[in-house]
Amino acid sequence: MYEVDTLVYSTVELGKTMDGRIENALLESFAVHVRCLNDFLWRDRRKDLPRDAFASDFCAPGTWEAVRDSLPQRALKEIRCRKRFGREVMHLTYDRIDGVGDQDSEDKEWPCGEVLIEIANALGTFADTALKDRLDDRTHAALSGLLVTREPESLALNAVTGATGVRLGQIRQVTGGTINVGDVWAGGIGS
């Protein structure tokens, strides 16, 4: 739940600040927690990571694997395909987008709202798929409550990466809907 709470909090706070350093920290937090939850939900167990937790650990054998690939993940697939977690946040590389020159600003956008909905829906589906004896009631209730009935395109909160870090350059506010995780609320933020 820490990962989920922090992901929601960082996404919501991205829409509230215009201080570049705070925006960088929030977007980095967003990316770290998305990567962690992405791995939890969509990666398979590896022998070299015996202590890492995976959603499949909480489900009957083969059940989660059969469900997870049918979940909508358009925004997450684009981020994975471009290796954005590593190239733009986790590692200091020559592949970082510098924000100057001919590069299109769309290359720098992180579709935070879409990613948050994809993760929230996957976690809700996971909670409903998990075996009752492997996921405590409190966590099950919190994750089940994450299911979002709106299309990801309707939550347009984008952040833009900067030259040497992550820098927010553009925000399109959330309109309508509510996401509630623990004590963190995001909903109905006007444009």
Protein backbone atom coordinates (compact mmCIF):
# COMPACT_ATOMS: atom_id res chain seq x y z
CA MET A 1 0.00 0.00 0.00
CA TYR A 2 2.98 2.32 0.51
CA GLU A 3 3.75 2.12 -3.21
CA VAL A 4 0.14 2.87 -4.13
CA ASP A 5 -0.27 5.72 -1.64
CA THR A 6 2.96 7.36 -2.77
CA LEU A 7 2.12 6.96 -6.46
CA VAL A 8 -1.29 8.59 -6.04
CA TYR A 9 0.12 11.35 -3.83
CA SER A 10 2.94 12.23 -6.24
CA THR A 11 0.55 12.25 -9.22
CA VAL A 12 -1.93 14.53 -7.47
CA GLU A 13 0.77 16.89 -6.21
CA LEU A 14 2.27 17.20 -9.71
CA GLY A 15 -0.81 19.17 -10.67
CA LYS A 16 -0.46 21.60 -7.78
CA THR A 17 3.07 22.96 -7.93
CA MET A 18 5.03 25.02 -10.40
CA ASP A 19 8.36 24.87 -8.52
CA GLY A 20 10.74 23.03 -10.87
CA ARG A 21 12.68 21.24 -8.12
CA ILE A 22 9.51 20.01 -6.45
CA GLU A 23 8.12 18.96 -9.83
CA ASN A 24 11.33 17.02 -10.56
CA ALA A 25 11.13 15.20 -7.23
CA LEU A 26 7.43 14.40 -7.67
CA LEU A 27 7.88 13.08 -11.20
CA GLU A 28 10.85 10.99 -10.12
CA SER A 29 8.75 9.59 -7.25
CA PHE A 30 5.93 8.89 -9.71
CA ALA A 31 8.31 7.02 -12.05
CA VAL A 32 9.93 4.99 -9.27
CA HIS A 33 6.60 3.81 -7.87
CA VAL A 34 5.12 3.12 -11.31
CA ARG A 35 8.17 1.02 -12.14
CA CYS A 36 7.86 -0.89 -8.87
CA LEU A 37 4.14 -1.57 -9.34
CA ASN A 38 4.64 -2.36 -13.03
CA ASP A 39 7.19 -5.02 -12.09
CA PHE A 40 4.93 -6.37 -9.34
CA LEU A 41 1.96 -6.67 -11.69
CA TRP A 42 3.50 -7.67 -15.05
CA ARG A 43 6.86 -9.31 -14.48
CA ASP A 44 7.51 -12.98 -13.88
CA ARG A 45 9.54 -14.34 -11.00
CA ARG A 46 13.25 -14.60 -11.71
CA LYS A 47 15.66 -16.92 -9.95
CA ASP A 48 18.08 -14.05 -9.29
CA LEU A 49 15.36 -12.09 -7.43
CA PRO A 50 14.03 -14.64 -4.92
CA ARG A 51 12.91 -12.03 -2.37
CA ASP A 52 10.99 -9.76 -4.79
CA ALA A 53 7.19 -9.81 -4.55
CA PHE A 54 5.01 -10.44 -7.60
CA ALA A 55 1.24 -10.38 -8.01
CA SER A 56 1.34 -14.02 -9.09
CA ASP A 57 2.56 -14.93 -5.57
CA PHE A 58 -0.88 -14.02 -4.24
CA CYS A 59 -2.94 -15.95 -6.81
CA ALA A 60 -3.57 -19.56 -7.75
CA PRO A 61 -0.82 -20.83 -10.09
CA GLY A 62 -1.23 -19.43 -13.61
CA THR A 63 -4.30 -17.35 -12.74
CA TRP A 64 -2.72 -13.90 -12.60
CA GLU A 65 -0.60 -14.54 -15.67
CA ALA A 66 -3.76 -15.36 -17.64
CA VAL A 67 -5.50 -12.17 -16.48
CA ARG A 68 -2.73 -9.55 -16.54
CA ASP A 69 -1.99 -9.46 -20.26
CA SER A 70 -5.62 -8.64 -21.08
CA LEU A 71 -5.52 -5.50 -18.90
CA PRO A 72 -5.37 -2.14 -20.70
CA GLN A 73 -1.84 -0.77 -20.58
CA ARG A 74 -1.37 1.49 -23.58
CA ALA A 75 0.53 4.21 -21.70
CA LEU A 76 2.61 1.73 -19.71
CA LYS A 77 3.58 -0.21 -22.86
CA GLU A 78 4.83 2.99 -24.49
CA ILE A 79 6.93 3.84 -21.44
CA ARG A 80 8.33 0.29 -21.27
CA CYS A 81 9.04 0.16 -25.02
CA ARG A 82 11.06 3.38 -24.89
CA LYS A 83 12.79 2.20 -21.68
CA ARG A 84 11.88 5.51 -20.09
CA PHE A 85 12.21 4.38 -16.46
CA GLY A 86 15.90 3.65 -16.91
CA ARG A 87 16.85 6.18 -19.56
CA GLU A 88 15.08 9.19 -18.13
CA VAL A 89 14.95 8.60 -14.38
CA MET A 90 16.87 5.67 -12.88
CA HIS A 91 20.19 5.89 -14.72
CA LEU A 92 22.40 8.76 -15.76
CA THR A 93 22.59 8.14 -19.50
CA TYR A 94 23.24 9.94 -22.78
CA ASP A 95 19.69 9.01 -23.81
CA ARG A 96 18.01 11.60 -21.60
CA ILE A 97 15.83 14.05 -23.47
CA ASP A 98 17.45 17.45 -23.09
CA GLY A 99 14.43 19.63 -23.78
CA VAL A 100 16.21 21.76 -26.37
CA GLY A 101 16.64 21.58 -30.12
CA ASP A 102 14.38 19.71 -32.49
CA GLN A 103 12.95 17.24 -30.03
CA ASP A 104 9.17 17.36 -29.86
CA SER A 105 7.72 18.08 -26.42
CA GLU A 106 5.49 15.01 -26.85
CA ASP A 107 8.66 12.90 -26.56
CA LYS A 108 9.14 14.33 -23.08
CA GLU A 109 5.59 13.88 -21.82
CA TRP A 110 4.86 11.34 -19.13
CA PRO A 111 1.15 10.44 -19.37
CA CYS A 112 0.76 10.43 -15.58
CA GLY A 113 -3.04 10.36 -15.50
CA GLU A 114 -3.32 7.49 -17.98
CA VAL A 115 -0.62 5.50 -16.20
CA LEU A 116 -2.27 6.03 -12.82
CA ILE A 117 -5.60 4.71 -14.14
CA GLU A 118 -3.91 1.70 -15.80
CA ILE A 119 -2.09 0.84 -12.55
CA ALA A 120 -5.21 1.44 -10.42
CA ASN A 121 -7.36 -0.80 -12.60
CA ALA A 122 -4.70 -3.52 -12.65
CA LEU A 123 -4.41 -3.39 -8.85
CA GLY A 124 -8.19 -3.60 -8.49
CA THR A 125 -8.29 -6.62 -10.79
CA PHE A 126 -5.35 -8.15 -8.91
CA ALA A 127 -7.18 -7.77 -5.58
CA ASP A 128 -10.22 -9.53 -7.00
CA THR A 129 -8.01 -12.31 -8.41
CA ALA A 130 -5.84 -12.86 -5.33
CA LEU A 131 -6.54 -15.78 -3.03
CA LYS A 132 -8.32 -14.73 0.17
CA ASP A 133 -5.70 -16.36 2.41
CA ARG A 134 -2.81 -14.50 0.72
CA LEU A 135 -4.10 -10.92 0.77
CA ASP A 136 -5.36 -9.43 4.02
CA ASP A 137 -8.87 -7.95 4.12
CA ARG A 138 -7.71 -4.34 4.59
CA THR A 139 -5.38 -4.45 1.57
CA HIS A 140 -8.01 -6.26 -0.51
CA ALA A 141 -10.61 -3.61 0.29
CA ALA A 142 -8.21 -0.74 -0.48
CA LEU A 143 -7.06 -2.22 -3.79
CA SER A 144 -10.54 -3.29 -4.89
CA GLY A 145 -11.66 0.29 -4.38
CA LEU A 146 -9.12 1.44 -6.96
CA LEU A 147 -11.07 0.24 -9.98
CA VAL A 148 -11.69 3.28 -12.17
CA THR A 149 -14.56 3.14 -14.63
CA ARG A 150 -13.32 6.00 -16.81
CA GLU A 151 -11.26 5.68 -19.95
CA PRO A 152 -7.57 6.55 -19.41
CA GLU A 153 -7.80 9.28 -22.06
CA SER A 154 -10.25 11.18 -19.86
CA LEU A 155 -7.60 11.76 -17.20
CA ALA A 156 -5.12 13.99 -18.98
CA LEU A 157 -2.41 14.85 -16.48
CA ASN A 158 0.90 14.95 -18.31
CA ALA A 159 4.33 15.78 -17.00
CA VAL A 160 7.35 16.61 -19.10
CA THR A 161 10.92 15.45 -18.53
CA GLY A 162 13.76 17.92 -18.41
CA ALA A 163 17.41 17.92 -19.41
CA THR A 164 19.26 16.35 -16.50
CA GLY A 165 16.37 15.33 -14.37
CA VAL A 166 12.67 15.22 -14.58
CA ARG A 167 10.98 18.57 -15.05
CA LEU A 168 7.33 19.42 -15.27
CA GLY A 169 6.62 21.79 -18.13
CA GLN A 170 2.95 21.31 -18.77
CA ILE A 171 -0.09 20.26 -16.76
CA ARG A 172 -3.55 19.54 -18.03
CA GLN A 173 -5.74 19.20 -14.98
CA VAL A 174 -7.92 16.28 -14.00
CA THR A 175 -11.64 16.86 -14.40
CA GLY A 176 -14.12 14.78 -12.45
CA GLY A 177 -13.67 11.30 -11.01
CA THR A 178 -12.16 10.30 -7.68
CA ILE A 179 -9.29 8.06 -6.74
CA ASN A 180 -9.10 7.26 -3.03
CA VAL A 181 -6.17 5.41 -1.50
CA GLY A 182 -5.70 5.50 2.25
CA ASP A 183 -5.68 9.15 3.27
CA VAL A 184 -4.86 10.40 -0.21
CA TRP A 185 -7.71 11.81 -2.30
CA ALA A 186 -7.65 13.03 -5.87
CA GLY A 187 -10.83 14.00 -7.53
CA GLY A 188 -12.76 16.77 -9.13
CA ILE A 189 -9.72 18.99 -9.51
CA GLY A 190 -10.97 21.75 -11.80
CA SER A 191 -9.22 22.77 -14.97
